[in-house]
Amino acid sequence: MTPADPHPSPGTRSPISPAAAPRSEAVLSRLQLLVTRKLDGLLQGDYAGLLPGPGSEAGESREYRPGDDVRRMDWPVTARTTMPHVRRTVADRELETWLAVDLSASLDFGTGRWLKRDVVVAAAAALAHLTVRGGNRIGAVVGSGGDPQAPAGRRRGATPPPGPGRLVRLPARGGRRETQGLLRAIAGTEIRPGRSDLGALVDALNRPPRRRGVAVVISDFLAPPQQWARPLRKLRVRHDVLAIEVVDPRELELPDVGVLPVVDPETGELHEVQTADPRLRRRYADAATAQRAEISAQLRGAGAAHLRLRTDTDWLLDMVRFVAAQRHARTRGTTR
């Protein structure tokens, strides 16, 4: 059994129904209060963002200095002057941020302080706040579930291939009112059974082609890396990419609680696991470690910034630390 397979059944829930809408609204209101109070106090600045950096609009050229990014070399000016020059960039105050929000069945699970889907909505709320406070626009593509599968609880058998899932595109808009509508649409998305295609969700940000901006993929990345790694590399060619990985502690190690019935929410397969066996728990932890290392390697190979959020920790503090580390790295590597 790999950690990407079954999840403990006590943490699973049925898809959101219209009766659950008040809960989504309450969660969103609480998140808005947390984000507004803490992020405004800890991340001061008119144009704060998770991936701060130079703008994408070309400006004047200047002589090359040690430490400058060689990808910004201005070769025509260098040829004319016989001295290496780099192209300056002008800060762009109207950038677009696009979110790829994965709400497949594996996200409807949690054994910590939050459900994984709640952490996904929380991350989207923080990103939206950081985007619109600078007058920029934010949009999203939301994916949920795949093709219909057999009823939950069935025994092991042939697993149908992943389907494209249901993709909902929310157009990019600015302003707090429009952003609240986007977050309500994300929080109210119904989680459907079945295994979705994360690669198709990421690739939806590549179509239609857009001006350079920020692309954020929020998922648990439990889908096979060969499914989403290539679309992510393609996305990185044109945009700054941030990958937010959502993890639950039970996906990293099993507790010693005796016989534990587990259900894979994506396929409905039912298993009974003897967690009292220390060798099984050790193999599970080793497999989980190897899986997370592979995910990190693929994200790093795609050139994406990587932020891991857990359901049993303070996700907002983790985001603040990430922003601070990104700013420190950019400042240290910039020649003024």
C-alpha atoms as a PDB file:
ATOM      1  CA  MET A   1       0.000   0.000   0.000  1.00  0.00           C
ATOM      2  CA  THR A   2       1.354   3.369  -0.978  1.00  0.00           C
ATOM      3  CA  PRO A   3       0.510   6.573   0.911  1.00  0.00           C
ATOM      4  CA  ALA A   4      -1.245   7.856  -2.199  1.00  0.00           C
ATOM      5  CA  ASP A   5      -3.833   5.145  -1.942  1.00  0.00           C
ATOM      6  CA  PRO A   6      -6.419   4.700   0.839  1.00  0.00           C
ATOM      7  CA  HIS A   7      -7.131   7.296   3.499  1.00  0.00           C
ATOM      8  CA  PRO A   8      -8.591   6.491   6.917  1.00  0.00           C
ATOM      9  CA  SER A   9     -12.355   6.475   6.647  1.00  0.00           C
ATOM     10  CA  PRO A  10     -12.943   8.630   9.781  1.00  0.00           C
ATOM     11  CA  GLY A  11     -11.467  11.570   7.866  1.00  0.00           C
ATOM     12  CA  THR A  12     -13.528  11.190   4.716  1.00  0.00           C
ATOM     13  CA  ARG A  13     -16.734  13.103   4.068  1.00  0.00           C
ATOM     14  CA  SER A  14     -19.446  13.059   1.495  1.00  0.00           C
ATOM     15  CA  PRO A  15     -19.418  15.695  -1.282  1.00  0.00           C
ATOM     16  CA  ILE A  16     -20.706  19.123  -0.362  1.00  0.00           C
ATOM     17  CA  SER A  17     -24.455  19.476  -0.696  1.00  0.00           C
ATOM     18  CA  PRO A  18     -26.523  22.662  -0.784  1.00  0.00           C
ATOM     19  CA  ALA A  19     -27.167  22.154   2.920  1.00  0.00           C
ATOM     20  CA  ALA A  20     -23.433  22.516   3.567  1.00  0.00           C
ATOM     21  CA  ALA A  21     -23.314  25.983   2.009  1.00  0.00           C
ATOM     22  CA  PRO A  22     -23.680  27.800   5.370  1.00  0.00           C
ATOM     23  CA  ARG A  23     -20.621  25.928   6.661  1.00  0.00           C
ATOM     24  CA  SER A  24     -18.570  27.009   3.630  1.00  0.00           C
ATOM     25  CA  GLU A  25     -19.671  30.607   4.173  1.00  0.00           C
ATOM     26  CA  ALA A  26     -18.719  30.441   7.872  1.00  0.00           C
ATOM     27  CA  VAL A  27     -15.305  28.981   7.070  1.00  0.00           C
ATOM     28  CA  LEU A  28     -14.724  31.660   4.437  1.00  0.00           C
ATOM     29  CA  SER A  29     -15.692  34.458   6.846  1.00  0.00           C
ATOM     30  CA  ARG A  30     -13.294  33.163   9.482  1.00  0.00           C
ATOM     31  CA  LEU A  31     -10.505  32.830   6.912  1.00  0.00           C
ATOM     32  CA  GLN A  32     -11.082  36.393   5.731  1.00  0.00           C
ATOM     33  CA  LEU A  33     -10.692  37.667   9.281  1.00  0.00           C
ATOM     34  CA  LEU A  34      -7.494  35.669   9.847  1.00  0.00           C
ATOM     35  CA  VAL A  35      -5.935  36.697   6.557  1.00  0.00           C
ATOM     36  CA  THR A  36      -6.820  40.379   6.877  1.00  0.00           C
ATOM     37  CA  ARG A  37      -5.556  40.745  10.444  1.00  0.00           C
ATOM     38  CA  LYS A  38      -2.370  38.696  10.267  1.00  0.00           C
ATOM     39  CA  LEU A  39      -1.155  39.308   6.734  1.00  0.00           C
ATOM     40  CA  ASP A  40      -1.764  43.064   6.907  1.00  0.00           C
ATOM     41  CA  GLY A  41       0.218  43.195  10.149  1.00  0.00           C
ATOM     42  CA  LEU A  42       3.098  40.936   9.121  1.00  0.00           C
ATOM     43  CA  LEU A  43       3.495  41.764   5.425  1.00  0.00           C
ATOM     44  CA  GLN A  44       3.522  45.522   5.083  1.00  0.00           C
ATOM     45  CA  GLY A  45       3.941  47.037   1.632  1.00  0.00           C
ATOM     46  CA  ASP A  46       1.782  48.367  -1.165  1.00  0.00           C
ATOM     47  CA  TYR A  47       2.511  45.515  -3.510  1.00  0.00           C
ATOM     48  CA  ALA A  48       3.109  42.487  -1.300  1.00  0.00           C
ATOM     49  CA  GLY A  49       3.024  39.129  -3.028  1.00  0.00           C
ATOM     50  CA  LEU A  50       4.079  35.552  -2.552  1.00  0.00           C
ATOM     51  CA  LEU A  51       6.527  35.756  -5.452  1.00  0.00           C
ATOM     52  CA  PRO A  52       7.916  39.310  -5.403  1.00  0.00           C
ATOM     53  CA  GLY A  53      10.306  40.188  -8.155  1.00  0.00           C
ATOM     54  CA  PRO A  54      11.024  42.506 -11.078  1.00  0.00           C
ATOM     55  CA  GLY A  55       8.262  43.498 -13.441  1.00  0.00           C
ATOM     56  CA  SER A  56       8.025  42.001 -16.913  1.00  0.00           C
ATOM     57  CA  GLU A  57       7.918  45.196 -18.980  1.00  0.00           C
ATOM     58  CA  ALA A  58      11.165  46.122 -20.749  1.00  0.00           C
ATOM     59  CA  GLY A  59      12.874  49.352 -19.782  1.00  0.00           C
ATOM     60  CA  GLU A  60      16.268  51.002 -20.383  1.00  0.00           C
ATOM     61  CA  SER A  61      19.578  49.172 -20.548  1.00  0.00           C
ATOM     62  CA  ARG A  62      22.610  49.542 -18.293  1.00  0.00           C
ATOM     63  CA  GLU A  63      26.052  47.965 -18.060  1.00  0.00           C
ATOM     64  CA  TYR A  64      26.251  44.436 -16.720  1.00  0.00           C
ATOM     65  CA  ARG A  65      27.295  44.032 -13.078  1.00  0.00           C
ATOM     66  CA  PRO A  66      28.402  40.812 -11.358  1.00  0.00           C
ATOM     67  CA  GLY A  67      25.317  39.077 -10.002  1.00  0.00           C
ATOM     68  CA  ASP A  68      22.920  40.291 -12.697  1.00  0.00           C
ATOM     69  CA  ASP A  69      20.666  37.727 -14.338  1.00  0.00           C
ATOM     70  CA  VAL A  70      22.304  36.755 -17.646  1.00  0.00           C
ATOM     71  CA  ARG A  71      18.857  36.016 -19.084  1.00  0.00           C
ATOM     72  CA  ARG A  72      18.276  39.784 -19.157  1.00  0.00           C
ATOM     73  CA  MET A  73      21.283  40.477 -21.386  1.00  0.00           C
ATOM     74  CA  ASP A  74      20.554  43.138 -24.011  1.00  0.00           C
ATOM     75  CA  TRP A  75      22.510  41.671 -26.914  1.00  0.00           C
ATOM     76  CA  PRO A  76      21.868  44.443 -29.508  1.00  0.00           C
ATOM     77  CA  VAL A  77      23.216  47.115 -27.131  1.00  0.00           C
ATOM     78  CA  THR A  78      26.082  44.829 -26.127  1.00  0.00           C
ATOM     79  CA  ALA A  79      27.046  44.406 -29.788  1.00  0.00           C
ATOM     80  CA  ARG A  80      26.923  48.140 -30.503  1.00  0.00           C
ATOM     81  CA  THR A  81      28.906  49.215 -27.444  1.00  0.00           C
ATOM     82  CA  THR A  82      31.186  46.135 -27.142  1.00  0.00           C
ATOM     83  CA  MET A  83      30.345  46.234 -23.421  1.00  0.00           C
ATOM     84  CA  PRO A  84      27.901  43.767 -21.816  1.00  0.00           C
ATOM     85  CA  HIS A  85      24.539  45.377 -21.008  1.00  0.00           C
ATOM     86  CA  VAL A  86      21.400  44.109 -19.312  1.00  0.00           C
ATOM     87  CA  ARG A  87      17.841  45.235 -19.887  1.00  0.00           C
ATOM     88  CA  ARG A  88      16.127  46.846 -16.921  1.00  0.00           C
ATOM     89  CA  THR A  89      12.500  46.066 -16.245  1.00  0.00           C
ATOM     90  CA  VAL A  90       9.728  48.389 -15.196  1.00  0.00           C
ATOM     91  CA  ALA A  91       7.423  47.266 -12.392  1.00  0.00           C
ATOM     92  CA  ASP A  92       4.032  46.239 -13.747  1.00  0.00           C
ATOM     93  CA  ARG A  93       1.232  47.321 -11.421  1.00  0.00           C
ATOM     94  CA  GLU A  94      -1.543  45.420 -13.204  1.00  0.00           C
ATOM     95  CA  LEU A  95      -0.521  41.788 -13.066  1.00  0.00           C
ATOM     96  CA  GLU A  96      -2.809  38.795 -13.241  1.00  0.00           C
ATOM     97  CA  THR A  97      -2.647  35.891 -10.833  1.00  0.00           C
ATOM     98  CA  TRP A  98      -4.292  32.643 -11.877  1.00  0.00           C
ATOM     99  CA  LEU A  99      -5.047  29.766  -9.522  1.00  0.00           C
ATOM    100  CA  ALA A 100      -5.353  26.102 -10.480  1.00  0.00           C
ATOM    101  CA  VAL A 101      -7.388  24.751  -7.551  1.00  0.00           C
ATOM    102  CA  ASP A 102      -7.534  20.970  -7.215  1.00  0.00           C
ATOM    103  CA  LEU A 103     -10.653  19.830  -5.353  1.00  0.00           C
ATOM    104  CA  SER A 104     -10.585  16.171  -6.342  1.00  0.00           C
ATOM    105  CA  ALA A 105     -11.817  13.483  -3.955  1.00  0.00           C
ATOM    106  CA  SER A 106      -8.441  12.998  -2.239  1.00  0.00           C
ATOM    107  CA  LEU A 107      -8.681  16.582  -0.907  1.00  0.00           C
ATOM    108  CA  ASP A 108     -11.909  15.810   0.976  1.00  0.00           C
ATOM    109  CA  PHE A 109      -9.981  14.352   3.896  1.00  0.00           C
ATOM    110  CA  GLY A 110      -8.303  15.510   7.075  1.00  0.00           C
ATOM    111  CA  THR A 111      -7.264  14.285  10.504  1.00  0.00           C
ATOM    112  CA  GLY A 112      -5.613  17.473  11.787  1.00  0.00           C
ATOM    113  CA  ARG A 113      -7.051  20.862  12.713  1.00  0.00           C
ATOM    114  CA  TRP A 114      -8.346  21.359   9.186  1.00  0.00           C
ATOM    115  CA  LEU A 115      -9.603  19.295   6.283  1.00  0.00           C
ATOM    116  CA  LYS A 116      -7.330  19.382   3.257  1.00  0.00           C
ATOM    117  CA  ARG A 117     -10.013  21.139   1.211  1.00  0.00           C
ATOM    118  CA  ASP A 118     -10.260  23.836   3.906  1.00  0.00           C
ATOM    119  CA  VAL A 119      -6.500  24.429   3.643  1.00  0.00           C
ATOM    120  CA  VAL A 120      -6.909  24.716  -0.129  1.00  0.00           C
ATOM    121  CA  VAL A 121      -9.596  27.389   0.315  1.00  0.00           C
ATOM    122  CA  ALA A 122      -7.451  29.101   2.964  1.00  0.00           C
ATOM    123  CA  ALA A 123      -4.463  29.288   0.628  1.00  0.00           C
ATOM    124  CA  ALA A 124      -6.666  30.680  -2.141  1.00  0.00           C
ATOM    125  CA  ALA A 125      -8.045  33.320   0.266  1.00  0.00           C
ATOM    126  CA  ALA A 126      -4.549  34.428   1.293  1.00  0.00           C
ATOM    127  CA  LEU A 127      -3.399  34.638  -2.322  1.00  0.00           C
ATOM    128  CA  ALA A 128      -6.490  36.594  -3.295  1.00  0.00           C
ATOM    129  CA  HIS A 129      -5.937  39.062  -0.450  1.00  0.00           C
ATOM    130  CA  LEU A 130      -2.295  39.631  -1.405  1.00  0.00           C
ATOM    131  CA  THR A 131      -3.273  40.099  -5.053  1.00  0.00           C
ATOM    132  CA  VAL A 132      -6.207  42.503  -4.869  1.00  0.00           C
ATOM    133  CA  ARG A 133      -4.696  44.717  -2.165  1.00  0.00           C
ATOM    134  CA  GLY A 134      -2.250  45.932  -4.836  1.00  0.00           C
ATOM    135  CA  GLY A 135      -4.966  46.611  -7.390  1.00  0.00           C
ATOM    136  CA  ASN A 136      -4.224  43.468  -9.422  1.00  0.00           C
ATOM    137  CA  ARG A 137      -6.602  40.851 -10.776  1.00  0.00           C
ATOM    138  CA  ILE A 138      -7.049  37.195  -9.852  1.00  0.00           C
ATOM    139  CA  GLY A 139      -8.814  34.331 -11.611  1.00  0.00           C
ATOM    140  CA  ALA A 140      -9.053  30.595 -11.099  1.00  0.00           C
ATOM    141  CA  VAL A 141      -9.619  27.244 -12.752  1.00  0.00           C
ATOM    142  CA  VAL A 142     -11.220  24.756 -10.344  1.00  0.00           C
ATOM    143  CA  GLY A 143     -11.153  21.004 -10.930  1.00  0.00           C
ATOM    144  CA  SER A 144     -13.244  18.479  -9.027  1.00  0.00           C
ATOM    145  CA  GLY A 145     -13.446  14.735  -9.458  1.00  0.00           C
ATOM    146  CA  GLY A 146     -13.326  12.678 -12.606  1.00  0.00           C
ATOM    147  CA  ASP A 147     -15.549  10.272 -14.420  1.00  0.00           C
ATOM    148  CA  PRO A 148     -18.164   8.527 -12.260  1.00  0.00           C
ATOM    149  CA  GLN A 149     -16.807   5.483 -10.449  1.00  0.00           C
ATOM    150  CA  ALA A 150     -18.346   2.510  -8.706  1.00  0.00           C
ATOM    151  CA  PRO A 151     -20.078   3.187  -5.345  1.00  0.00           C
ATOM    152  CA  ALA A 152     -17.824   3.841  -2.357  1.00  0.00           C
ATOM    153  CA  GLY A 153     -16.902   0.869  -0.233  1.00  0.00           C
ATOM    154  CA  ARG A 154     -16.487  -1.658  -3.058  1.00  0.00           C
ATOM    155  CA  ARG A 155     -13.774  -4.264  -2.800  1.00  0.00           C
ATOM    156  CA  ARG A 156     -10.548  -4.133  -4.736  1.00  0.00           C
ATOM    157  CA  GLY A 157     -10.903  -4.565  -8.455  1.00  0.00           C
ATOM    158  CA  ALA A 158     -10.064  -2.987 -11.771  1.00  0.00           C
ATOM    159  CA  THR A 159      -9.686   0.769 -11.476  1.00  0.00           C
ATOM    160  CA  PRO A 160     -10.976   2.819 -14.413  1.00  0.00           C
ATOM    161  CA  PRO A 161      -8.522   5.305 -15.932  1.00  0.00           C
ATOM    162  CA  PRO A 162      -8.654   8.900 -14.717  1.00  0.00           C
ATOM    163  CA  GLY A 163     -11.130  11.162 -16.419  1.00  0.00           C
ATOM    164  CA  PRO A 164     -10.679  14.813 -17.356  1.00  0.00           C
ATOM    165  CA  GLY A 165     -12.870  15.827 -14.439  1.00  0.00           C
ATOM    166  CA  ARG A 166     -15.054  18.896 -14.214  1.00  0.00           C
ATOM    167  CA  LEU A 167     -13.199  22.158 -14.832  1.00  0.00           C
ATOM    168  CA  VAL A 168     -14.771  25.505 -13.953  1.00  0.00           C
ATOM    169  CA  ARG A 169     -13.067  28.687 -15.133  1.00  0.00           C
ATOM    170  CA  LEU A 170     -13.593  31.839 -13.058  1.00  0.00           C
ATOM    171  CA  PRO A 171     -12.505  34.952 -15.006  1.00  0.00           C
ATOM    172  CA  ALA A 172      -9.813  37.229 -13.596  1.00  0.00           C
ATOM    173  CA  ARG A 173     -11.197  40.364 -11.964  1.00  0.00           C
ATOM    174  CA  GLY A 174     -10.021  42.969  -9.501  1.00  0.00           C
ATOM    175  CA  GLY A 175     -11.742  44.454  -6.505  1.00  0.00           C
ATOM    176  CA  ARG A 176     -12.703  42.970  -3.160  1.00  0.00           C
ATOM    177  CA  ARG A 177     -16.319  42.284  -4.067  1.00  0.00           C
ATOM    178  CA  GLU A 178     -15.396  40.289  -7.163  1.00  0.00           C
ATOM    179  CA  THR A 179     -12.692  38.445  -5.233  1.00  0.00           C
ATOM    180  CA  GLN A 180     -15.173  37.437  -2.548  1.00  0.00           C
ATOM    181  CA  GLY A 181     -17.385  36.004  -5.272  1.00  0.00           C
ATOM    182  CA  LEU A 182     -14.466  33.984  -6.614  1.00  0.00           C
ATOM    183  CA  LEU A 183     -13.651  32.603  -3.158  1.00  0.00           C
ATOM    184  CA  ARG A 184     -17.303  31.694  -2.547  1.00  0.00           C
ATOM    185  CA  ALA A 185     -17.342  29.805  -5.831  1.00  0.00           C
ATOM    186  CA  ILE A 186     -14.196  27.875  -4.830  1.00  0.00           C
ATOM    187  CA  ALA A 187     -15.446  27.133  -1.309  1.00  0.00           C
ATOM    188  CA  GLY A 188     -18.822  25.988  -2.596  1.00  0.00           C
ATOM    189  CA  THR A 189     -17.474  23.653  -5.273  1.00  0.00           C
ATOM    190  CA  GLU A 190     -18.911  20.167  -4.947  1.00  0.00           C
ATOM    191  CA  ILE A 191     -16.285  17.449  -4.599  1.00  0.00           C
ATOM    192  CA  ARG A 192     -17.164  14.655  -7.013  1.00  0.00           C
ATOM    193  CA  PRO A 193     -16.129  11.013  -6.798  1.00  0.00           C
ATOM    194  CA  GLY A 194     -13.531   9.676  -9.184  1.00  0.00           C
ATOM    195  CA  ARG A 195      -9.923  10.301 -10.046  1.00  0.00           C
ATOM    196  CA  SER A 196      -9.279  13.573 -11.859  1.00  0.00           C
ATOM    197  CA  ASP A 197      -6.465  14.557 -14.185  1.00  0.00           C
ATOM    198  CA  LEU A 198      -4.226  17.111 -12.465  1.00  0.00           C
ATOM    199  CA  GLY A 199      -2.262  17.591 -15.680  1.00  0.00           C
ATOM    200  CA  ALA A 200      -5.406  18.758 -17.487  1.00  0.00           C
ATOM    201  CA  LEU A 201      -6.097  21.222 -14.668  1.00  0.00           C
ATOM    202  CA  VAL A 202      -2.575  22.695 -14.863  1.00  0.00           C
ATOM    203  CA  ASP A 203      -2.710  22.789 -18.653  1.00  0.00           C
ATOM    204  CA  ALA A 204      -5.936  24.837 -18.445  1.00  0.00           C
ATOM    205  CA  LEU A 205      -3.778  27.766 -17.254  1.00  0.00           C
ATOM    206  CA  ASN A 206      -1.842  27.604 -20.534  1.00  0.00           C
ATOM    207  CA  ARG A 207      -4.949  28.133 -22.654  1.00  0.00           C
ATOM    208  CA  PRO A 208      -5.525  30.737 -23.851  1.00  0.00           C
ATOM    209  CA  PRO A 209      -1.984  32.215 -23.747  1.00  0.00           C
ATOM    210  CA  ARG A 210      -1.773  35.189 -21.404  1.00  0.00           C
ATOM    211  CA  ARG A 211       0.718  37.918 -20.682  1.00  0.00           C
ATOM    212  CA  ARG A 212       3.364  37.058 -18.148  1.00  0.00           C
ATOM    213  CA  GLY A 213       2.033  36.838 -14.587  1.00  0.00           C
ATOM    214  CA  VAL A 214       1.809  34.516 -11.600  1.00  0.00           C
ATOM    215  CA  ALA A 215       0.344  31.012 -11.763  1.00  0.00           C
ATOM    216  CA  VAL A 216      -0.417  29.089  -8.563  1.00  0.00           C
ATOM    217  CA  VAL A 217      -1.249  25.379  -8.430  1.00  0.00           C
ATOM    218  CA  ILE A 218      -2.910  24.230  -5.168  1.00  0.00           C
ATOM    219  CA  SER A 219      -3.146  20.456  -4.790  1.00  0.00           C
ATOM    220  CA  ASP A 220      -1.942  17.460  -2.796  1.00  0.00           C
ATOM    221  CA  PHE A 221      -0.040  16.323  -5.940  1.00  0.00           C
ATOM    222  CA  LEU A 222      -0.957  12.681  -5.274  1.00  0.00           C
ATOM    223  CA  ALA A 223      -1.552  12.134  -8.980  1.00  0.00           C
ATOM    224  CA  PRO A 224       1.365  10.447 -10.813  1.00  0.00           C
ATOM    225  CA  PRO A 225       4.084  13.038 -11.549  1.00  0.00           C
ATOM    226  CA  GLN A 226       4.215  12.017 -15.215  1.00  0.00           C
ATOM    227  CA  GLN A 227       0.661  13.359 -15.433  1.00  0.00           C
ATOM    228  CA  TRP A 228       1.352  16.937 -14.262  1.00  0.00           C
ATOM    229  CA  ALA A 229       5.130  17.555 -14.466  1.00  0.00           C
ATOM    230  CA  ARG A 230       5.248  18.401 -18.174  1.00  0.00           C
ATOM    231  CA  PRO A 231       2.274  20.849 -18.120  1.00  0.00           C
ATOM    232  CA  LEU A 232       3.909  22.515 -15.102  1.00  0.00           C
ATOM    233  CA  ARG A 233       7.205  22.969 -16.971  1.00  0.00           C
ATOM    234  CA  LYS A 234       5.280  24.422 -19.903  1.00  0.00           C
ATOM    235  CA  LEU A 235       3.505  26.838 -17.562  1.00  0.00           C
ATOM    236  CA  ARG A 236       6.852  27.975 -16.106  1.00  0.00           C
ATOM    237  CA  VAL A 237       8.096  29.125 -19.527  1.00  0.00           C
ATOM    238  CA  ARG A 238       5.779  32.121 -19.463  1.00  0.00           C
ATOM    239  CA  HIS A 239       4.809  32.621 -15.817  1.00  0.00           C
ATOM    240  CA  ASP A 240       6.203  32.647 -12.302  1.00  0.00           C
ATOM    241  CA  VAL A 241       4.845  29.422 -10.823  1.00  0.00           C
ATOM    242  CA  LEU A 242       4.064  28.632  -7.190  1.00  0.00           C
ATOM    243  CA  ALA A 243       3.082  25.087  -6.207  1.00  0.00           C
ATOM    244  CA  ILE A 244       1.225  24.773  -2.889  1.00  0.00           C
ATOM    245  CA  GLU A 245       1.230  21.173  -1.656  1.00  0.00           C
ATOM    246  CA  VAL A 246      -1.419  20.284   0.948  1.00  0.00           C
ATOM    247  CA  VAL A 247      -0.518  17.378   3.246  1.00  0.00           C
ATOM    248  CA  ASP A 248      -2.259  15.543   6.084  1.00  0.00           C
ATOM    249  CA  PRO A 249      -0.148  13.818   8.793  1.00  0.00           C
ATOM    250  CA  ARG A 250      -1.885  10.463   8.163  1.00  0.00           C
ATOM    251  CA  GLU A 251      -0.474  10.548   4.642  1.00  0.00           C
ATOM    252  CA  LEU A 252       3.018  10.562   6.117  1.00  0.00           C
ATOM    253  CA  GLU A 253       2.682   7.920   8.828  1.00  0.00           C
ATOM    254  CA  LEU A 254       0.098   5.539  10.257  1.00  0.00           C
ATOM    255  CA  PRO A 255      -0.933   5.540  13.934  1.00  0.00           C
ATOM    256  CA  ASP A 256      -0.896   2.332  15.999  1.00  0.00           C
ATOM    257  CA  VAL A 257      -4.664   1.837  16.430  1.00  0.00           C
ATOM    258  CA  GLY A 258      -5.089  -1.838  15.544  1.00  0.00           C
ATOM    259  CA  VAL A 259      -7.219  -2.829  12.567  1.00  0.00           C
ATOM    260  CA  LEU A 260      -8.113   0.315  10.642  1.00  0.00           C
ATOM    261  CA  PRO A 261     -10.645   0.331   7.768  1.00  0.00           C
ATOM    262  CA  VAL A 262      -9.540   2.735   5.060  1.00  0.00           C
ATOM    263  CA  VAL A 263     -11.270   3.890   1.897  1.00  0.00           C
ATOM    264  CA  ASP A 264      -9.682   5.398  -1.186  1.00  0.00           C
ATOM    265  CA  PRO A 265     -12.002   8.384  -1.854  1.00  0.00           C
ATOM    266  CA  GLU A 266     -11.036   8.495  -5.533  1.00  0.00           C
ATOM    267  CA  THR A 267     -11.786   4.851  -6.422  1.00  0.00           C
ATOM    268  CA  GLY A 268     -14.003   3.726  -3.521  1.00  0.00           C
ATOM    269  CA  GLU A 269     -11.752   0.754  -2.750  1.00  0.00           C
ATOM    270  CA  LEU A 270     -12.094  -0.560   0.807  1.00  0.00           C
ATOM    271  CA  HIS A 271      -9.142  -2.005   2.768  1.00  0.00           C
ATOM    272  CA  GLU A 272      -8.502  -3.169   6.294  1.00  0.00           C
ATOM    273  CA  VAL A 273      -5.017  -2.377   7.567  1.00  0.00           C
ATOM    274  CA  GLN A 274      -3.391  -3.893  10.650  1.00  0.00           C
ATOM    275  CA  THR A 275      -1.624  -0.806  11.995  1.00  0.00           C
ATOM    276  CA  ALA A 276      -0.260  -2.692  15.030  1.00  0.00           C
ATOM    277  CA  ASP A 277       2.415  -4.170  12.738  1.00  0.00           C
ATOM    278  CA  PRO A 278       5.528  -1.959  13.183  1.00  0.00           C
ATOM    279  CA  ARG A 279       7.035  -3.202   9.918  1.00  0.00           C
ATOM    280  CA  LEU A 280       3.961  -2.118   7.982  1.00  0.00           C
ATOM    281  CA  ARG A 281       4.028   1.335   9.604  1.00  0.00           C
ATOM    282  CA  ARG A 282       7.728   1.656   8.794  1.00  0.00           C
ATOM    283  CA  ARG A 283       7.210   0.651   5.151  1.00  0.00           C
ATOM    284  CA  TYR A 284       4.321   3.109   4.911  1.00  0.00           C
ATOM    285  CA  ALA A 285       6.456   5.951   6.320  1.00  0.00           C
ATOM    286  CA  ASP A 286       9.368   5.072   3.992  1.00  0.00           C
ATOM    287  CA  ALA A 287       7.053   5.000   0.976  1.00  0.00           C
ATOM    288  CA  ALA A 288       5.524   8.324   2.000  1.00  0.00           C
ATOM    289  CA  THR A 289       8.967   9.897   2.376  1.00  0.00           C
ATOM    290  CA  ALA A 290      10.006   8.645  -1.066  1.00  0.00           C
ATOM    291  CA  GLN A 291       6.759   9.887  -2.599  1.00  0.00           C
ATOM    292  CA  ARG A 292       7.092  13.391  -1.139  1.00  0.00           C
ATOM    293  CA  ALA A 293      10.750  13.526  -2.215  1.00  0.00           C
ATOM    294  CA  GLU A 294       9.696  12.669  -5.779  1.00  0.00           C
ATOM    295  CA  ILE A 295       7.033  15.384  -5.727  1.00  0.00           C
ATOM    296  CA  SER A 296       9.580  17.947  -4.476  1.00  0.00           C
ATOM    297  CA  ALA A 297      12.083  16.887  -7.140  1.00  0.00           C
ATOM    298  CA  GLN A 298       9.527  17.205  -9.938  1.00  0.00           C
ATOM    299  CA  LEU A 299       8.406  20.639  -8.735  1.00  0.00           C
ATOM    300  CA  ARG A 300      12.003  21.786  -8.444  1.00  0.00           C
ATOM    301  CA  GLY A 301      12.763  20.416 -11.913  1.00  0.00           C
ATOM    302  CA  ALA A 302       9.817  22.376 -13.310  1.00  0.00           C
ATOM    303  CA  GLY A 303      11.227  25.588 -11.805  1.00  0.00           C
ATOM    304  CA  ALA A 304       8.271  26.155  -9.488  1.00  0.00           C
ATOM    305  CA  ALA A 305       8.508  27.662  -6.023  1.00  0.00           C
ATOM    306  CA  HIS A 306       7.304  25.051  -3.532  1.00  0.00           C
ATOM    307  CA  LEU A 307       5.235  25.689  -0.398  1.00  0.00           C
ATOM    308  CA  ARG A 308       3.993  22.780   1.737  1.00  0.00           C
ATOM    309  CA  LEU A 309       1.005  23.344   4.031  1.00  0.00           C
ATOM    310  CA  ARG A 310      -0.153  20.774   6.596  1.00  0.00           C
ATOM    311  CA  THR A 311      -3.587  20.286   8.110  1.00  0.00           C
ATOM    312  CA  ASP A 312      -2.128  19.991  11.635  1.00  0.00           C
ATOM    313  CA  THR A 313      -0.035  23.188  11.693  1.00  0.00           C
ATOM    314  CA  ASP A 314      -0.572  26.947  11.430  1.00  0.00           C
ATOM    315  CA  TRP A 315      -0.905  27.298   7.654  1.00  0.00           C
ATOM    316  CA  LEU A 316      -0.929  31.110   7.820  1.00  0.00           C
ATOM    317  CA  LEU A 317       2.383  31.225   9.710  1.00  0.00           C
ATOM    318  CA  ASP A 318       3.873  28.841   7.141  1.00  0.00           C
ATOM    319  CA  MET A 319       2.776  31.182   4.352  1.00  0.00           C
ATOM    320  CA  VAL A 320       4.264  34.217   6.107  1.00  0.00           C
ATOM    321  CA  ARG A 321       7.566  32.412   6.573  1.00  0.00           C
ATOM    322  CA  PHE A 322       7.541  31.443   2.913  1.00  0.00           C
ATOM    323  CA  VAL A 323       6.957  35.042   1.817  1.00  0.00           C
ATOM    324  CA  ALA A 324       9.765  36.266   4.073  1.00  0.00           C
ATOM    325  CA  ALA A 325      12.165  33.620   2.729  1.00  0.00           C
ATOM    326  CA  GLN A 326      11.281  34.485  -0.881  1.00  0.00           C
ATOM    327  CA  ARG A 327      11.829  38.189  -0.289  1.00  0.00           C
ATOM    328  CA  HIS A 328      15.128  37.560   1.482  1.00  0.00           C
ATOM    329  CA  ALA A 329      16.356  35.341  -1.356  1.00  0.00           C
ATOM    330  CA  ARG A 330      15.363  37.882  -4.013  1.00  0.00           C
ATOM    331  CA  THR A 331      16.922  40.795  -2.118  1.00  0.00           C
ATOM    332  CA  ARG A 332      20.153  38.939  -1.445  1.00  0.00           C
ATOM    333  CA  GLY A 333      20.509  38.011  -5.102  1.00  0.00           C
ATOM    334  CA  THR A 334      19.727  41.477  -6.507  1.00  0.00           C
ATOM    335  CA  THR A 335      22.368  44.011  -7.416  1.00  0.00           C
ATOM    336  CA  ARG A 336      21.207  47.533  -6.838  1.00  0.00           C
END
